[in-house]
Amino acid sequence: MTTIDYGLSIIYINVVAYLYLNFSLFTALFVFNLNGLRTLNDFKYLGNLPFFTVSFILILFSLAGVPPTLGFVSKSLIFIFMFFKKNFFFLFVLTILNLFIMYFYVRNVRYFITKSNSYHFIYKNNYAFLNWNLIVLMLLFNFINFCSIFFIEDFLIFTDNLTLYSNFY
């Protein structure tokens, strides 16, 4: 395979990883009636629901690229590819941008871990639509997100097969 094929494989992995993370984030958000949540500060009332608090924190850490989550694996593949291609300027720029991105996402975690003693969430009729299928789906999302380091070889094989059959050049 050529370096273009490897680069396309890494781009496919990155796009699929972030589509997966956005899908899991919106799945977790659409569980709630979001009419009462106007600002990020209102998310502190979800701190009384530990399963969703952990899910949101795990998704935000993954979007930030904290190891061993899915976001870290996809970003590290890009950094490794840039290092071997000797594109040190782009590697430096991506590293600086990644530090800003990590700061933004990790800073937003504080809205989810702030504990509130009031049950403002229940009083404002912002209830959650929970069922067994949704909880199993979110557990599966969280497992794949957290243990993605074990599945990266499967992602690489899948994207290598995609690049063999694509006609992008």
C-alpha atoms as a PDB file:
ATOM      1  CA  MET A   1       0.000   0.000   0.000  1.00  0.00           C
ATOM      2  CA  THR A   2       1.117   3.542  -0.653  1.00  0.00           C
ATOM      3  CA  THR A   3       1.327   6.328   1.886  1.00  0.00           C
ATOM      4  CA  ILE A   4      -1.824   7.883   0.382  1.00  0.00           C
ATOM      5  CA  ASP A   5      -3.709   4.710   1.268  1.00  0.00           C
ATOM      6  CA  TYR A   6      -2.376   4.759   4.819  1.00  0.00           C
ATOM      7  CA  GLY A   7      -3.277   8.424   5.159  1.00  0.00           C
ATOM      8  CA  LEU A   8      -6.808   7.745   3.902  1.00  0.00           C
ATOM      9  CA  SER A   9      -7.113   4.855   6.344  1.00  0.00           C
ATOM     10  CA  ILE A  10      -6.191   7.100   9.235  1.00  0.00           C
ATOM     11  CA  ILE A  11      -8.635   9.762   8.063  1.00  0.00           C
ATOM     12  CA  TYR A  12     -11.374   7.104   7.868  1.00  0.00           C
ATOM     13  CA  ILE A  13     -10.585   5.967  11.404  1.00  0.00           C
ATOM     14  CA  ASN A  14     -10.686   9.533  12.699  1.00  0.00           C
ATOM     15  CA  VAL A  15     -13.985  10.361  10.973  1.00  0.00           C
ATOM     16  CA  VAL A  16     -15.642   7.137  12.107  1.00  0.00           C
ATOM     17  CA  ALA A  17     -14.391   7.622  15.670  1.00  0.00           C
ATOM     18  CA  TYR A  18     -15.761  11.144  15.937  1.00  0.00           C
ATOM     19  CA  LEU A  19     -19.049  10.203  14.273  1.00  0.00           C
ATOM     20  CA  TYR A  20     -19.336   7.436  16.849  1.00  0.00           C
ATOM     21  CA  LEU A  21     -18.560   9.825  19.704  1.00  0.00           C
ATOM     22  CA  ASN A  22     -21.064  12.412  18.483  1.00  0.00           C
ATOM     23  CA  PHE A  23     -23.700   9.714  18.064  1.00  0.00           C
ATOM     24  CA  SER A  24     -23.128   8.486  21.605  1.00  0.00           C
ATOM     25  CA  LEU A  25     -23.175  12.058  22.959  1.00  0.00           C
ATOM     26  CA  PHE A  26     -26.480  12.862  21.285  1.00  0.00           C
ATOM     27  CA  THR A  27     -27.928   9.516  22.335  1.00  0.00           C
ATOM     28  CA  ALA A  28     -27.131  10.411  25.924  1.00  0.00           C
ATOM     29  CA  LEU A  29     -28.560  13.919  25.515  1.00  0.00           C
ATOM     30  CA  PHE A  30     -31.787  12.880  23.808  1.00  0.00           C
ATOM     31  CA  VAL A  31     -32.687  10.740  26.794  1.00  0.00           C
ATOM     32  CA  PHE A  32     -33.660  13.938  28.584  1.00  0.00           C
ATOM     33  CA  ASN A  33     -36.307  16.508  27.976  1.00  0.00           C
ATOM     34  CA  LEU A  34     -33.937  19.344  27.126  1.00  0.00           C
ATOM     35  CA  ASN A  35     -36.471  22.174  27.372  1.00  0.00           C
ATOM     36  CA  GLY A  36     -35.368  23.036  30.918  1.00  0.00           C
ATOM     37  CA  LEU A  37     -31.639  22.947  30.179  1.00  0.00           C
ATOM     38  CA  ARG A  38     -30.719  26.369  28.838  1.00  0.00           C
ATOM     39  CA  THR A  39     -27.027  26.718  29.720  1.00  0.00           C
ATOM     40  CA  LEU A  40     -24.111  24.464  30.573  1.00  0.00           C
ATOM     41  CA  ASN A  41     -24.595  25.391  34.214  1.00  0.00           C
ATOM     42  CA  ASP A  42     -27.978  23.599  34.152  1.00  0.00           C
ATOM     43  CA  PHE A  43     -26.185  20.307  33.567  1.00  0.00           C
ATOM     44  CA  LYS A  44     -25.166  20.278  37.217  1.00  0.00           C
ATOM     45  CA  TYR A  45     -28.670  19.057  38.022  1.00  0.00           C
ATOM     46  CA  LEU A  46     -27.875  15.868  36.115  1.00  0.00           C
ATOM     47  CA  GLY A  47     -25.210  15.115  38.739  1.00  0.00           C
ATOM     48  CA  ASN A  48     -27.844  13.196  40.678  1.00  0.00           C
ATOM     49  CA  LEU A  49     -27.895  10.578  37.891  1.00  0.00           C
ATOM     50  CA  PRO A  50     -24.496   8.832  38.194  1.00  0.00           C
ATOM     51  CA  PHE A  51     -24.786   6.611  35.108  1.00  0.00           C
ATOM     52  CA  PHE A  52     -25.309   9.577  32.814  1.00  0.00           C
ATOM     53  CA  THR A  53     -22.716  11.652  34.613  1.00  0.00           C
ATOM     54  CA  VAL A  54     -20.086   8.976  33.991  1.00  0.00           C
ATOM     55  CA  SER A  55     -21.242   8.591  30.383  1.00  0.00           C
ATOM     56  CA  PHE A  56     -20.981  12.320  29.687  1.00  0.00           C
ATOM     57  CA  ILE A  57     -17.576  12.571  31.349  1.00  0.00           C
ATOM     58  CA  LEU A  58     -16.263   9.573  29.393  1.00  0.00           C
ATOM     59  CA  ILE A  59     -17.520  11.040  26.121  1.00  0.00           C
ATOM     60  CA  LEU A  60     -15.977  14.444  26.861  1.00  0.00           C
ATOM     61  CA  PHE A  61     -12.666  12.841  27.821  1.00  0.00           C
ATOM     62  CA  SER A  62     -12.741  10.875  24.603  1.00  0.00           C
ATOM     63  CA  LEU A  63     -13.444  13.991  22.551  1.00  0.00           C
ATOM     64  CA  ALA A  64     -10.503  15.622  24.344  1.00  0.00           C
ATOM     65  CA  GLY A  65      -8.213  12.704  23.513  1.00  0.00           C
ATOM     66  CA  VAL A  66      -7.460  11.428  27.006  1.00  0.00           C
ATOM     67  CA  PRO A  67      -6.022   7.867  26.972  1.00  0.00           C
ATOM     68  CA  PRO A  68      -7.236   5.026  26.645  1.00  0.00           C
ATOM     69  CA  THR A  69     -10.397   6.311  24.949  1.00  0.00           C
ATOM     70  CA  LEU A  70     -11.375   6.218  21.304  1.00  0.00           C
ATOM     71  CA  GLY A  71     -10.484   9.860  20.689  1.00  0.00           C
ATOM     72  CA  PHE A  72      -6.950   9.260  21.959  1.00  0.00           C
ATOM     73  CA  VAL A  73      -6.451   6.305  19.627  1.00  0.00           C
ATOM     74  CA  SER A  74      -7.579   8.207  16.539  1.00  0.00           C
ATOM     75  CA  LYS A  75      -5.488  11.283  17.392  1.00  0.00           C
ATOM     76  CA  SER A  76      -2.414   9.226  18.228  1.00  0.00           C
ATOM     77  CA  LEU A  77      -2.594   7.478  14.848  1.00  0.00           C
ATOM     78  CA  ILE A  78      -2.512  10.859  13.134  1.00  0.00           C
ATOM     79  CA  PHE A  79       0.467  11.963  15.250  1.00  0.00           C
ATOM     80  CA  ILE A  80       2.359   8.734  14.522  1.00  0.00           C
ATOM     81  CA  PHE A  81       1.674   9.046  10.788  1.00  0.00           C
ATOM     82  CA  MET A  82       2.866  12.670  10.769  1.00  0.00           C
ATOM     83  CA  PHE A  83       5.996  11.707  12.698  1.00  0.00           C
ATOM     84  CA  PHE A  84       6.945   8.957  10.244  1.00  0.00           C
ATOM     85  CA  LYS A  85       6.236  11.218   7.276  1.00  0.00           C
ATOM     86  CA  LYS A  86       8.571  13.797   8.895  1.00  0.00           C
ATOM     87  CA  ASN A  87       5.939  16.537   8.818  1.00  0.00           C
ATOM     88  CA  PHE A  88       7.182  18.071  12.037  1.00  0.00           C
ATOM     89  CA  PHE A  89       5.632  21.491  11.450  1.00  0.00           C
ATOM     90  CA  PHE A  90       2.134  20.022  11.071  1.00  0.00           C
ATOM     91  CA  LEU A  91       2.816  17.731  14.007  1.00  0.00           C
ATOM     92  CA  PHE A  92       3.713  20.734  16.149  1.00  0.00           C
ATOM     93  CA  VAL A  93       0.622  22.665  15.025  1.00  0.00           C
ATOM     94  CA  LEU A  94      -1.658  19.671  15.688  1.00  0.00           C
ATOM     95  CA  THR A  95      -0.116  19.193  19.121  1.00  0.00           C
ATOM     96  CA  ILE A  96      -0.732  22.821  20.091  1.00  0.00           C
ATOM     97  CA  LEU A  97      -4.296  22.676  18.759  1.00  0.00           C
ATOM     98  CA  ASN A  98      -4.867  19.423  20.616  1.00  0.00           C
ATOM     99  CA  LEU A  99      -3.797  21.054  23.892  1.00  0.00           C
ATOM    100  CA  PHE A 100      -6.404  23.794  23.391  1.00  0.00           C
ATOM    101  CA  ILE A 101      -9.062  21.220  22.536  1.00  0.00           C
ATOM    102  CA  MET A 102      -8.213  19.163  25.609  1.00  0.00           C
ATOM    103  CA  TYR A 103      -8.453  22.256  27.799  1.00  0.00           C
ATOM    104  CA  PHE A 104     -11.896  23.108  26.406  1.00  0.00           C
ATOM    105  CA  TYR A 105     -13.431  19.649  26.859  1.00  0.00           C
ATOM    106  CA  VAL A 106     -11.897  18.880  30.242  1.00  0.00           C
ATOM    107  CA  ARG A 107     -13.005  22.286  31.506  1.00  0.00           C
ATOM    108  CA  ASN A 108     -16.616  21.457  30.595  1.00  0.00           C
ATOM    109  CA  VAL A 109     -16.511  18.333  32.756  1.00  0.00           C
ATOM    110  CA  ARG A 110     -17.007  20.513  35.818  1.00  0.00           C
ATOM    111  CA  TYR A 111     -20.627  21.101  34.831  1.00  0.00           C
ATOM    112  CA  PHE A 112     -21.343  17.401  35.144  1.00  0.00           C
ATOM    113  CA  ILE A 113     -19.539  16.685  38.402  1.00  0.00           C
ATOM    114  CA  THR A 114     -20.946  19.597  40.381  1.00  0.00           C
ATOM    115  CA  LYS A 115     -23.280  17.981  42.859  1.00  0.00           C
ATOM    116  CA  SER A 116     -26.528  19.707  43.590  1.00  0.00           C
ATOM    117  CA  ASN A 117     -28.526  18.916  46.705  1.00  0.00           C
ATOM    118  CA  SER A 118     -31.736  20.184  45.186  1.00  0.00           C
ATOM    119  CA  TYR A 119     -33.788  18.116  42.844  1.00  0.00           C
ATOM    120  CA  HIS A 120     -34.372  21.020  40.483  1.00  0.00           C
ATOM    121  CA  PHE A 121     -34.183  18.518  37.641  1.00  0.00           C
ATOM    122  CA  ILE A 122     -37.282  16.688  38.858  1.00  0.00           C
ATOM    123  CA  TYR A 123     -39.175  19.788  39.986  1.00  0.00           C
ATOM    124  CA  LYS A 124     -38.949  21.440  36.593  1.00  0.00           C
ATOM    125  CA  ASN A 125     -40.512  18.339  34.934  1.00  0.00           C
ATOM    126  CA  ASN A 126     -37.283  17.537  33.123  1.00  0.00           C
ATOM    127  CA  TYR A 127     -37.574  13.819  33.359  1.00  0.00           C
ATOM    128  CA  ALA A 128     -35.578  11.164  31.587  1.00  0.00           C
ATOM    129  CA  PHE A 129     -37.028   8.673  29.145  1.00  0.00           C
ATOM    130  CA  LEU A 130     -35.288   5.479  30.254  1.00  0.00           C
ATOM    131  CA  ASN A 131     -35.793   1.962  29.076  1.00  0.00           C
ATOM    132  CA  TRP A 132     -33.707  -1.192  29.161  1.00  0.00           C
ATOM    133  CA  ASN A 133     -32.650  -1.017  25.485  1.00  0.00           C
ATOM    134  CA  LEU A 134     -31.272   2.495  25.886  1.00  0.00           C
ATOM    135  CA  ILE A 135     -29.267   1.589  28.969  1.00  0.00           C
ATOM    136  CA  VAL A 136     -27.764  -1.456  27.218  1.00  0.00           C
ATOM    137  CA  LEU A 137     -26.946   0.688  24.170  1.00  0.00           C
ATOM    138  CA  MET A 138     -25.213   3.310  26.302  1.00  0.00           C
ATOM    139  CA  LEU A 139     -23.277   0.617  28.186  1.00  0.00           C
ATOM    140  CA  LEU A 140     -22.090  -0.759  24.843  1.00  0.00           C
ATOM    141  CA  PHE A 141     -21.086   2.738  23.672  1.00  0.00           C
ATOM    142  CA  ASN A 142     -19.168   3.361  26.890  1.00  0.00           C
ATOM    143  CA  PHE A 143     -17.396  -0.003  26.725  1.00  0.00           C
ATOM    144  CA  ILE A 144     -16.262   0.491  23.132  1.00  0.00           C
ATOM    145  CA  ASN A 145     -15.262   4.073  23.879  1.00  0.00           C
ATOM    146  CA  PHE A 146     -13.230   3.198  26.968  1.00  0.00           C
ATOM    147  CA  CYS A 147     -11.693  -0.043  25.670  1.00  0.00           C
ATOM    148  CA  SER A 148     -11.060   1.177  22.129  1.00  0.00           C
ATOM    149  CA  ILE A 149      -7.356   0.507  22.424  1.00  0.00           C
ATOM    150  CA  PHE A 150      -8.175  -3.199  22.129  1.00  0.00           C
ATOM    151  CA  PHE A 151     -10.229  -2.722  18.942  1.00  0.00           C
ATOM    152  CA  ILE A 152      -7.833  -0.535  16.972  1.00  0.00           C
ATOM    153  CA  GLU A 153      -6.463  -3.441  14.946  1.00  0.00           C
ATOM    154  CA  ASP A 154      -9.974  -4.223  13.722  1.00  0.00           C
ATOM    155  CA  PHE A 155     -10.442  -0.568  12.732  1.00  0.00           C
ATOM    156  CA  LEU A 156      -7.171  -0.642  10.802  1.00  0.00           C
ATOM    157  CA  ILE A 157      -8.106  -3.802   8.909  1.00  0.00           C
ATOM    158  CA  PHE A 158     -11.531  -2.355   8.068  1.00  0.00           C
ATOM    159  CA  THR A 159     -10.175   0.951   6.804  1.00  0.00           C
ATOM    160  CA  ASP A 160      -7.404  -0.733   4.824  1.00  0.00           C
ATOM    161  CA  ASN A 161     -10.087  -2.716   3.012  1.00  0.00           C
ATOM    162  CA  LEU A 162     -12.033   0.496   2.395  1.00  0.00           C
ATOM    163  CA  THR A 163      -9.045   2.216   0.841  1.00  0.00           C
ATOM    164  CA  LEU A 164      -8.355  -0.732  -1.432  1.00  0.00           C
ATOM    165  CA  TYR A 165     -11.796  -0.367  -3.013  1.00  0.00           C
ATOM    166  CA  SER A 166     -12.067   3.423  -3.063  1.00  0.00           C
ATOM    167  CA  ASN A 167     -11.209   5.591  -6.025  1.00  0.00           C
ATOM    168  CA  PHE A 168     -10.187   8.861  -4.392  1.00  0.00           C
ATOM    169  CA  TYR A 169      -7.171   9.539  -6.577  1.00  0.00           C
END
